[in-house]
Amino acid sequence: MNKKELIAALDELPDDTIILYQVVAQNAPEAWQMQVKISGVLPGFNWESPVAVLQLWHPNLESLDPVKWKDN
């Protein structure tokens, strides 16, 4: 998805819509509510278009492999 596609998708929603970010397990009924940060354009990429990162994070998630939570 590029910026234009993301903006088009968001423009279809009412302005007061709350957006939730989730990481969902493929084969399990689990989801983590996530926080989001947008990096801005990253200067180190030599691609045909500018590159930015949409980073999803959870304040209690310490590790992904293996999954480790602060309260575990």
Protein backbone atom coordinates (compact mmCIF):
# COMPACT_ATOMS: atom_id res chain seq x y z
CA MET A 1 0.00 0.00 0.00
CA ASN A 2 1.35 3.43 -0.84
CA LYS A 3 0.43 6.81 0.67
CA LYS A 4 -2.14 7.60 -2.03
CA GLU A 5 -3.92 4.26 -1.46
CA LEU A 6 -3.87 4.71 2.32
CA ILE A 7 -5.29 8.24 2.08
CA ALA A 8 -8.00 7.07 -0.33
CA ALA A 9 -9.00 4.29 2.07
CA LEU A 10 -9.04 6.69 5.03
CA ASP A 11 -10.98 9.35 3.10
CA GLU A 12 -13.89 6.90 2.81
CA LEU A 13 -14.32 6.98 6.61
CA PRO A 14 -16.10 9.72 8.57
CA ASP A 15 -13.63 12.20 10.13
CA ASP A 16 -14.54 11.20 13.69
CA THR A 17 -13.84 7.48 13.10
CA ILE A 18 -11.55 5.88 15.69
CA ILE A 19 -9.00 3.61 14.05
CA LEU A 20 -7.73 0.57 15.94
CA TYR A 21 -4.49 -1.16 14.96
CA GLN A 22 -4.23 -4.90 15.50
CA VAL A 23 -1.84 -7.76 15.03
CA VAL A 24 -3.93 -10.85 14.39
CA ALA A 25 -2.74 -14.46 14.53
CA GLN A 26 -3.39 -16.28 11.26
CA ASN A 27 -4.73 -19.51 12.77
CA ALA A 28 -5.97 -18.42 16.17
CA PRO A 29 -8.70 -16.12 17.46
CA GLU A 30 -6.18 -13.73 19.00
CA ALA A 31 -5.51 -10.06 18.40
CA TRP A 32 -3.29 -7.47 20.06
CA GLN A 33 -4.37 -3.84 20.11
CA MET A 34 -1.36 -1.85 18.97
CA GLN A 35 -0.08 1.72 19.05
CA VAL A 36 1.21 3.29 15.83
CA LYS A 37 4.10 5.54 14.81
CA ILE A 38 4.91 6.80 11.31
CA SER A 39 8.61 7.23 10.59
CA GLY A 40 8.54 9.90 7.91
CA VAL A 41 10.59 9.39 4.76
CA LEU A 42 13.66 7.22 5.38
CA PRO A 43 16.73 8.59 3.58
CA GLY A 44 18.68 5.31 3.38
CA PHE A 45 16.47 3.56 0.80
CA ASN A 46 17.38 3.74 -2.89
CA TRP A 47 14.00 2.70 -4.26
CA GLU A 48 11.95 4.18 -7.11
CA SER A 49 9.70 5.93 -4.54
CA PRO A 50 10.29 7.37 -1.05
CA VAL A 51 9.94 4.84 1.78
CA ALA A 52 8.35 5.32 5.21
CA VAL A 53 7.54 2.85 7.98
CA LEU A 54 4.23 2.45 9.77
CA GLN A 55 5.40 0.91 13.04
CA LEU A 56 2.96 -0.98 15.25
CA TRP A 57 3.93 -1.57 18.88
CA HIS A 58 2.45 -2.54 22.20
CA PRO A 59 3.81 -1.05 25.44
CA ASN A 60 3.91 -4.46 27.17
CA LEU A 61 5.42 -6.48 24.30
CA GLU A 62 9.13 -7.08 24.95
CA SER A 63 9.99 -9.74 22.36
CA LEU A 64 8.44 -11.29 19.24
CA ASP A 65 10.48 -14.49 19.03
CA PRO A 66 9.61 -15.90 21.43
CA VAL A 67 6.67 -13.68 22.32
CA LYS A 68 7.38 -12.16 25.71
CA TRP A 69 5.15 -9.74 27.61
CA LYS A 70 6.26 -7.48 30.49
CA ASP A 71 3.68 -8.96 32.84
CA ASN A 72 4.66 -12.61 32.12
